[in-house]
Protein backbone atom coordinates (compact mmCIF):
# COMPACT_ATOMS: atom_id res chain seq x y z
CA UNK A 1 -13.87 -2.45 -11.99
CA UNK A 2 -17.46 -3.26 -11.68
CA UNK A 3 -18.23 -6.06 -9.01
CA UNK A 4 -19.08 -8.70 -11.60
CA UNK A 5 -15.61 -7.96 -13.07
CA UNK A 6 -13.97 -8.46 -9.87
CA UNK A 7 -15.59 -11.81 -9.14
CA UNK A 8 -14.51 -13.07 -12.47
CA UNK A 9 -10.87 -11.81 -11.80
CA UNK A 10 -10.44 -13.05 -8.56
CA UNK A 11 -12.38 -16.03 -8.49
CA UNK A 12 -13.89 -15.79 -4.95
CA UNK A 13 -17.18 -15.89 -3.44
CA UNK A 14 -17.33 -12.18 -2.42
CA UNK A 15 -20.65 -10.44 -1.80
CA UNK A 16 -21.49 -8.16 -4.63
CA UNK A 17 -22.74 -5.49 -2.23
CA UNK A 18 -19.05 -5.26 -0.61
CA UNK A 19 -17.48 -4.80 -3.83
CA UNK A 20 -19.81 -2.12 -4.82
CA UNK A 21 -18.24 -0.20 -1.79
CA UNK A 22 -14.91 -0.02 -3.33
CA UNK A 23 -13.89 2.96 -5.09
CA UNK A 24 -11.00 3.76 -7.53
CA UNK A 25 -7.44 4.46 -5.99
CA UNK A 26 -6.52 8.10 -6.18
CA UNK A 27 -4.30 8.86 -9.07
CA UNK A 28 -2.40 12.04 -7.04
CA UNK A 29 -2.68 14.18 -3.92
CA UNK A 30 -2.11 17.92 -3.56
CA UNK A 31 -0.16 19.64 -1.02
CA UNK A 32 0.25 23.28 -0.37
CA UNK A 33 -2.98 24.16 -1.24
CA UNK A 34 -5.25 26.87 0.33
CA UNK A 35 -2.04 29.29 1.07
CA UNK A 36 -1.72 32.35 -1.02
CA UNK A 37 1.98 32.23 -0.31
CA UNK A 38 2.52 28.59 -1.20
CA UNK A 39 2.46 27.12 -4.73
CA UNK A 40 0.38 24.09 -4.74
CA UNK A 41 2.09 20.81 -5.64
CA UNK A 42 0.70 17.96 -7.48
CA UNK A 43 2.20 14.61 -6.15
CA UNK A 44 1.52 11.37 -8.70
CA UNK A 45 0.71 8.11 -6.95
CA UNK A 46 1.74 4.54 -8.52
CA UNK A 47 -0.66 2.27 -10.16
CA UNK A 48 -2.52 0.18 -7.52
CA UNK A 49 -1.86 -3.68 -7.80
CA UNK A 50 -4.85 -5.87 -8.32
CA UNK A 51 -7.60 -5.32 -5.77
CA UNK A 52 -7.27 -8.70 -4.43
CA UNK A 53 -3.52 -8.34 -3.62
CA UNK A 54 -4.45 -5.19 -1.75
CA UNK A 55 -4.59 -5.53 2.10
CA UNK A 56 -8.42 -5.57 3.38
CA UNK A 57 -9.82 -6.79 0.22
CA UNK A 58 -13.12 -8.98 0.63
CA UNK A 59 -13.95 -6.90 3.95
CA UNK A 60 -17.05 -4.48 4.12
CA UNK A 61 -15.64 -0.79 3.55
CA UNK A 62 -16.33 0.24 6.88
CA UNK A 63 -14.11 -2.51 8.31
CA UNK A 64 -11.11 -1.45 6.38
CA UNK A 65 -8.56 0.47 7.93
CA UNK A 66 -4.76 0.56 8.50
CA UNK A 67 -3.57 -2.21 10.83
CA UNK A 68 0.10 -2.10 12.26
CA UNK A 69 1.84 -5.78 11.57
CA UNK A 70 2.22 -8.20 14.43
CA UNK A 71 5.90 -9.61 14.96
CA UNK A 72 5.73 -13.08 14.87
CA UNK A 73 6.05 -15.07 18.37
CA UNK A 74 9.41 -16.70 17.18
CA UNK A 75 11.09 -13.59 16.15
CA UNK A 76 10.25 -12.38 19.67
CA UNK A 77 11.43 -15.41 21.42
CA UNK A 78 14.92 -14.79 19.40
CA UNK A 79 14.99 -11.36 20.45
CA UNK A 80 14.47 -12.26 24.14
CA UNK A 81 16.90 -15.39 24.00
CA UNK A 82 19.84 -13.88 22.31
CA UNK A 83 22.00 -10.61 23.17
CA UNK A 84 23.71 -10.13 19.80
CA UNK A 85 22.47 -9.54 16.45
CA UNK A 86 24.82 -11.84 15.09
CA UNK A 87 23.55 -14.78 17.21
CA UNK A 88 19.99 -14.06 15.98
CA UNK A 89 20.96 -14.09 12.11
CA UNK A 90 22.83 -17.24 12.87
CA UNK A 91 19.96 -19.07 14.45
CA UNK A 92 17.88 -18.14 11.57
CA UNK A 93 20.61 -19.03 8.79
CA UNK A 94 21.37 -22.45 10.39
CA UNK A 95 17.53 -23.52 10.78
CA UNK A 96 15.74 -21.83 7.68
CA UNK A 97 13.03 -24.59 7.61
CA UNK A 98 12.09 -23.90 11.15
CA UNK A 99 11.76 -20.26 10.50
CA UNK A 100 10.34 -20.40 6.82
CA UNK A 101 7.26 -18.29 7.70
CA UNK A 102 9.23 -15.94 9.79
CA UNK A 103 11.90 -15.50 6.98
CA UNK A 104 8.95 -14.65 4.39
CA UNK A 105 7.39 -12.37 6.96
CA UNK A 106 10.95 -10.33 7.21
CA UNK A 107 11.23 -10.26 3.20
CA UNK A 108 7.93 -8.52 3.22
CA UNK A 109 8.43 -6.10 6.04
CA UNK A 110 11.49 -5.11 4.07
CA UNK A 111 9.86 -5.00 0.72
CA UNK A 112 7.21 -2.59 2.06
CA UNK A 113 9.95 -0.16 3.71
CA UNK A 114 11.60 0.12 0.57
CA UNK A 115 8.87 0.05 -1.94
CA UNK A 116 5.54 1.51 0.08
CA UNK A 117 2.48 -0.36 0.97
CA UNK A 118 -1.19 -0.71 -0.26
CA UNK A 119 -4.04 -1.20 1.91
CA UNK A 120 -7.85 -0.53 1.61
CA UNK A 121 -9.21 2.13 3.55
CA UNK A 122 -13.05 2.52 4.12
CA UNK A 123 -13.40 1.33 0.37
CA UNK A 124 -10.51 3.15 -1.32
CA UNK A 125 -7.19 1.48 -2.44
CA UNK A 126 -4.63 3.60 -0.47
CA UNK A 127 -0.94 3.72 -1.00
CA UNK A 128 1.53 5.04 1.66
CA UNK A 129 5.13 5.66 0.97
CA UNK A 130 7.93 3.38 2.48
CA UNK A 131 8.96 6.02 4.88
CA UNK A 132 5.30 6.39 6.31
CA UNK A 133 5.08 2.22 6.24
CA UNK A 134 8.02 2.37 8.42
CA UNK A 135 6.88 5.25 10.64
CA UNK A 136 3.27 3.51 11.00
CA UNK A 137 4.52 0.01 11.51
CA UNK A 138 7.51 0.05 13.50
CA UNK A 139 8.54 3.60 14.86
CA UNK A 140 7.41 3.76 18.29
CA UNK A 141 6.81 7.27 19.66
CA UNK A 142 5.42 8.39 23.15
CA UNK A 143 2.26 6.45 23.01
CA UNK A 144 3.32 3.59 20.95
CA UNK A 145 3.02 3.00 17.28
CA UNK A 146 1.58 6.11 15.59
CA UNK A 147 -1.85 6.23 14.35
CA UNK A 148 -2.60 6.28 10.61
CA UNK A 149 -3.30 9.89 9.60
CA UNK A 150 -3.75 11.11 6.13
CA UNK A 151 -2.09 14.38 6.97
CA UNK A 152 1.13 12.27 7.89
CA UNK A 153 0.47 10.34 4.26
CA UNK A 154 0.70 13.56 2.46
CA UNK A 155 3.74 14.80 4.74
CA UNK A 156 5.80 11.63 3.87
CA UNK A 157 4.62 11.44 0.24
CA UNK A 158 5.76 15.37 -0.24
CA UNK A 159 9.06 14.40 1.98
CA UNK A 160 10.15 11.64 -0.77
CA UNK A 161 8.93 13.92 -3.61
CA UNK A 162 11.27 16.72 -2.80
CA UNK A 163 14.25 14.01 -1.57
CA UNK A 164 13.96 12.81 -5.32
CA UNK A 165 12.93 15.97 -7.18
CA UNK A 166 14.91 16.68 -10.52
CA UNK A 167 12.43 19.14 -11.81
CA UNK A 168 11.70 22.74 -10.99
CA UNK A 169 9.07 25.05 -12.19
CA UNK A 170 9.80 27.70 -14.71
CA UNK A 171 10.73 30.87 -13.05
CA UNK A 172 11.01 34.36 -13.76
CA UNK A 173 13.90 36.87 -13.37
CA UNK A 174 13.24 37.26 -9.48
CA UNK A 175 13.06 33.48 -8.83
CA UNK A 176 9.22 33.17 -8.48
CA UNK A 177 7.42 30.44 -10.26
CA UNK A 178 5.44 31.50 -13.26
CA UNK A 179 2.62 29.75 -15.16
CA UNK A 180 1.81 29.06 -18.81
CA UNK A 181 -1.12 30.50 -21.02
CA UNK A 182 -3.18 27.40 -19.59
CA UNK A 183 -2.56 28.62 -16.05
CA UNK A 184 -0.38 25.82 -15.20
CA UNK A 185 3.32 25.71 -13.89
CA UNK A 186 5.75 24.05 -16.37
CA UNK A 187 8.43 21.83 -14.82
CA UNK A 188 11.82 21.50 -16.37
CA UNK A 189 13.95 18.64 -16.03
CA UNK A 190 17.45 19.07 -14.72
CA UNK A 191 18.56 15.60 -14.39
CA UNK A 192 19.98 16.04 -10.85
CA UNK A 193 18.43 16.28 -7.21
CA UNK A 194 17.30 19.88 -6.75
CA UNK A 195 16.50 20.96 -3.21
CA UNK A 196 18.10 20.41 -0.03
CA UNK A 197 14.95 19.66 1.76
CA UNK A 198 11.97 21.73 3.05
CA UNK A 199 10.69 23.89 6.09
CA UNK A 200 7.83 22.53 8.07
CA UNK A 201 5.95 25.09 10.30
CA UNK A 202 3.85 22.99 12.63
CA UNK A 203 1.43 22.77 15.19
CA UNK A 204 1.86 21.26 18.58
CA UNK A 205 2.06 17.45 19.29
CA UNK A 206 1.53 16.14 15.69
CA UNK A 207 4.56 14.30 16.03
CA UNK A 208 6.59 16.36 13.25
CA UNK A 209 10.05 15.45 15.07
CA UNK A 210 9.33 12.13 15.55
CA UNK A 211 8.46 11.81 11.53
CA UNK A 212 12.04 13.90 11.00
CA UNK A 213 13.81 11.38 12.95
CA UNK A 214 12.25 8.39 11.56
CA UNK A 215 13.40 9.81 7.98
CA UNK A 216 16.97 10.36 9.58
CA UNK A 217 17.07 6.88 10.73
CA UNK A 218 15.63 5.46 7.58
CA UNK A 219 18.24 7.10 5.31
CA UNK A 220 21.33 6.80 7.62
CA UNK A 221 20.79 3.18 8.53
CA UNK A 222 20.49 1.95 5.09
CA UNK A 223 23.51 3.98 3.42
CA UNK A 224 27.27 3.21 3.96
CA UNK A 225 29.65 5.94 5.33
CA UNK A 226 26.73 8.26 5.84
CA UNK A 227 26.04 10.47 8.79
CA UNK A 228 23.06 12.01 10.22
CA UNK A 229 23.04 15.27 12.29
CA UNK A 230 20.53 16.96 14.80
CA UNK A 231 20.41 20.51 16.12
CA UNK A 232 17.80 22.33 17.90
CA UNK A 233 16.75 25.52 19.46
CA UNK A 234 19.41 25.00 22.18
CA UNK A 235 21.82 22.24 23.22
CA UNK A 236 19.36 20.81 25.73
CA UNK A 237 16.84 20.34 23.25
CA UNK A 238 19.13 18.71 20.86
CA UNK A 239 19.89 16.18 23.33
CA UNK A 240 16.30 15.46 24.12
CA UNK A 241 15.51 15.30 20.42
CA UNK A 242 18.01 12.64 20.05
CA UNK A 243 17.35 10.55 23.05
CA UNK A 244 13.40 10.72 23.00
CA UNK A 245 12.79 10.88 19.20
CA UNK A 246 15.53 8.68 17.78
CA UNK A 247 17.17 6.65 20.45
CA UNK A 248 14.22 5.50 22.09
CA UNK A 249 12.14 4.39 19.01
CA UNK A 250 15.29 2.93 17.79
CA UNK A 251 15.79 0.56 20.79
CA UNK A 252 12.03 -0.98 20.21
CA UNK A 253 12.87 -1.77 16.35
CA UNK A 254 12.72 -5.30 15.54
CA UNK A 255 16.48 -6.67 14.91
CA UNK A 256 15.84 -7.10 11.37
CA UNK A 257 15.79 -3.17 11.03
CA UNK A 258 18.84 -2.79 12.94
CA UNK A 259 22.22 -2.64 11.30
CA UNK A 260 25.29 -3.67 13.41
CA UNK A 261 25.95 -0.95 16.08
CA UNK A 262 28.77 -0.23 18.39
CA UNK A 263 28.58 0.51 21.97
CA UNK A 264 25.49 0.51 24.30
CA UNK A 265 22.04 -0.12 23.49
CA UNK A 266 21.49 3.07 25.12
CA UNK A 267 23.63 5.68 23.41
CA UNK A 268 23.72 9.01 25.20
CA UNK A 269 25.41 11.33 22.03
CA UNK A 270 25.97 9.19 19.22
CA UNK A 271 24.31 6.13 17.43
CA UNK A 272 26.94 4.55 15.58
CA UNK A 273 26.54 1.78 12.94
CA UNK A 274 30.32 0.81 12.67
CA UNK A 275 31.32 -3.14 13.48
CA UNK A 276 30.64 -3.88 17.03
CA UNK A 277 33.34 -4.48 19.62
CA UNK A 278 34.22 -8.07 20.27
CA UNK A 279 32.63 -9.48 23.21
CA UNK A 280 31.22 -12.51 24.64
CA UNK A 281 27.86 -13.38 23.42
CA UNK A 282 25.10 -15.08 25.72
CA UNK A 283 26.54 -18.61 24.72
CA UNK A 284 30.14 -17.58 25.98
CA UNK A 285 31.39 -17.36 22.22
CA UNK A 286 32.96 -14.03 21.02
CA UNK A 287 30.89 -12.10 18.55
CA UNK A 288 33.23 -11.72 15.72
CA UNK A 289 31.33 -9.69 13.24
CA UNK A 290 33.56 -7.14 11.24
CA UNK A 291 30.84 -5.82 8.94
CA UNK A 292 29.16 -2.60 9.47
CA UNK A 293 28.06 0.50 7.84
CA UNK A 294 30.36 3.10 9.16
CA UNK A 295 27.41 5.26 9.50
CA UNK A 296 26.02 7.16 12.35
CA UNK A 297 23.66 9.87 13.92
CA UNK A 298 24.70 12.15 16.65
CA UNK A 299 23.43 15.57 17.63
CA UNK A 300 25.31 19.22 18.11
CA UNK A 301 25.03 22.24 20.07
CA UNK A 302 23.02 25.17 18.39
CA UNK A 303 25.80 27.22 17.17
CA UNK A 304 25.60 27.79 13.72
CA UNK A 305 29.40 26.38 12.89
CA UNK A 306 28.64 22.93 14.98
CA UNK A 307 29.04 21.24 11.91
CA UNK A 308 31.20 23.06 9.99
CA UNK A 309 33.07 20.94 7.59
CA UNK A 310 31.36 17.78 8.35
CA UNK A 311 29.77 15.66 5.34
CA UNK A 312 25.81 15.11 6.13
CA UNK A 313 23.27 12.97 4.43
CA UNK A 314 20.76 14.04 6.67
CA UNK A 315 20.38 17.22 9.15
CA UNK A 316 17.27 17.56 11.22
CA UNK A 317 17.09 21.30 12.42
CA UNK A 318 14.44 21.00 15.27
CA UNK A 319 12.49 24.13 16.34
CA UNK A 320 14.66 26.61 14.23
CA UNK A 321 11.70 29.42 14.70
CA UNK A 322 12.75 29.47 18.59
CA UNK A 323 16.22 30.49 18.17
CA UNK A 324 17.25 32.85 20.88
CA UNK A 325 18.57 36.40 20.07
CA UNK A 326 22.28 36.04 18.60
CA UNK A 327 21.18 32.61 16.75
CA UNK A 328 19.80 32.48 13.41
CA UNK A 329 18.48 29.76 11.59
CA UNK A 330 19.49 31.38 8.52
CA UNK A 331 23.00 31.29 9.36
CA UNK A 332 23.16 27.87 10.41
CA UNK A 333 21.80 26.87 7.10
CA UNK A 334 24.29 28.55 5.54
CA UNK A 335 26.64 26.33 7.00
CA UNK A 336 24.67 23.22 6.65
CA UNK A 337 23.84 23.23 3.23
CA UNK A 338 27.60 23.27 2.40
CA UNK A 339 27.63 19.83 4.59
CA UNK A 340 24.85 18.30 2.13
CA UNK A 341 26.95 18.68 -1.23
CA UNK A 342 29.63 17.13 -2.95
CA UNK A 343 31.11 19.44 -5.49
CA UNK A 344 27.66 20.61 -7.36
CA UNK A 345 25.91 17.49 -6.30
CA UNK A 346 23.31 17.62 -3.53
CA UNK A 347 23.65 14.35 -1.59
CA UNK A 348 22.17 14.97 1.93
CA UNK A 349 18.72 16.08 3.16
CA UNK A 350 17.39 18.63 5.84
CA UNK A 351 14.15 19.06 7.27
CA UNK A 352 13.34 22.17 9.44
CA UNK A 353 10.80 21.57 11.94
CA UNK A 354 9.33 24.24 14.27
CA UNK A 355 6.25 25.08 16.10
CA UNK A 356 4.36 28.18 14.71
CA UNK A 357 2.48 29.61 17.86
CA UNK A 358 5.78 29.11 19.90
CA UNK A 359 8.36 30.94 17.78
CA UNK A 360 10.65 33.75 19.24
CA UNK A 361 10.09 36.98 17.38
CA UNK A 362 13.54 36.91 15.78
CA UNK A 363 13.51 33.50 15.31
CA UNK A 364 10.19 33.29 13.48
CA UNK A 365 11.28 36.29 11.33
CA UNK A 366 14.57 34.27 10.22
CA UNK A 367 12.57 31.19 9.73
CA UNK A 368 9.89 32.72 7.40
CA UNK A 369 13.09 34.58 5.49
CA UNK A 370 14.89 30.79 4.99
């Protein structure tokens, strides 16, 4: 839109010079570019809402950037006052007039988690996927909330596309994608999910493990009867991944993103979203909730057969290129992929992360093969 059109549309006195700084939203992004061994993948982006509905509208472009939401004081106070989720929700339910603005805040946070989020970034209307919003807004890593990075935006957009993808490029007899006469790949619709997940070779300290565990929680904490699993280069590292990259961020989540959970607030081996055991609340009454997802997340030893026979809706294979001699990430995936299906339908998702510069010779070879 031209600046004068924006003024007419939104009816606000905004400096036309500021409006002239705004650009059109991207229609798509590319991933897997600049690598001769990978097929570039185009990811279409949704149409932006009207500009005045996008966070940051009206500000000079240089002032427009990502801002993490701030938890309202009343909600902070509730978390400090009560010991159980039931008590907090009961307080809000019984005083909807008092918590009207806070209820609106919770609904918006959930909307962005489910549908993604738009904000102006240096003059450009920018869309981030709901998984990315949840990560940047609420998933505390070792240094606090993650900073916004365009690299992470493309990671989460790609992760979501692979999770939902029902199309695949036309391939030759050897399974390699082929282009048509126009030099483009032809994508064929199959009507069902096609991919178990993806490999993610990474550099150090880019937050890949936190991102993978954020998606783990995002899927499992919203699905009935679903289990997520974690394996790593060895048993010790799997436990560290569970405690540091899943449990630690989970403990800092606001109550409205926590389903009912069973056991301690500091689980050591399993994060279970089953109905909590009946216990005395801070007011002396019994916690009587009988509702729960009956879902959970745990970790297992590095052995390939650790999850054999289980049904998994998510599996994070951490540092798979560092497996020592005698362990193969290919063998492990051969077992895990059977855990991610029901019949011929893929129901689960796996992300396999590994630091490129630290791979073992054998482990890296199998990771490449995979």
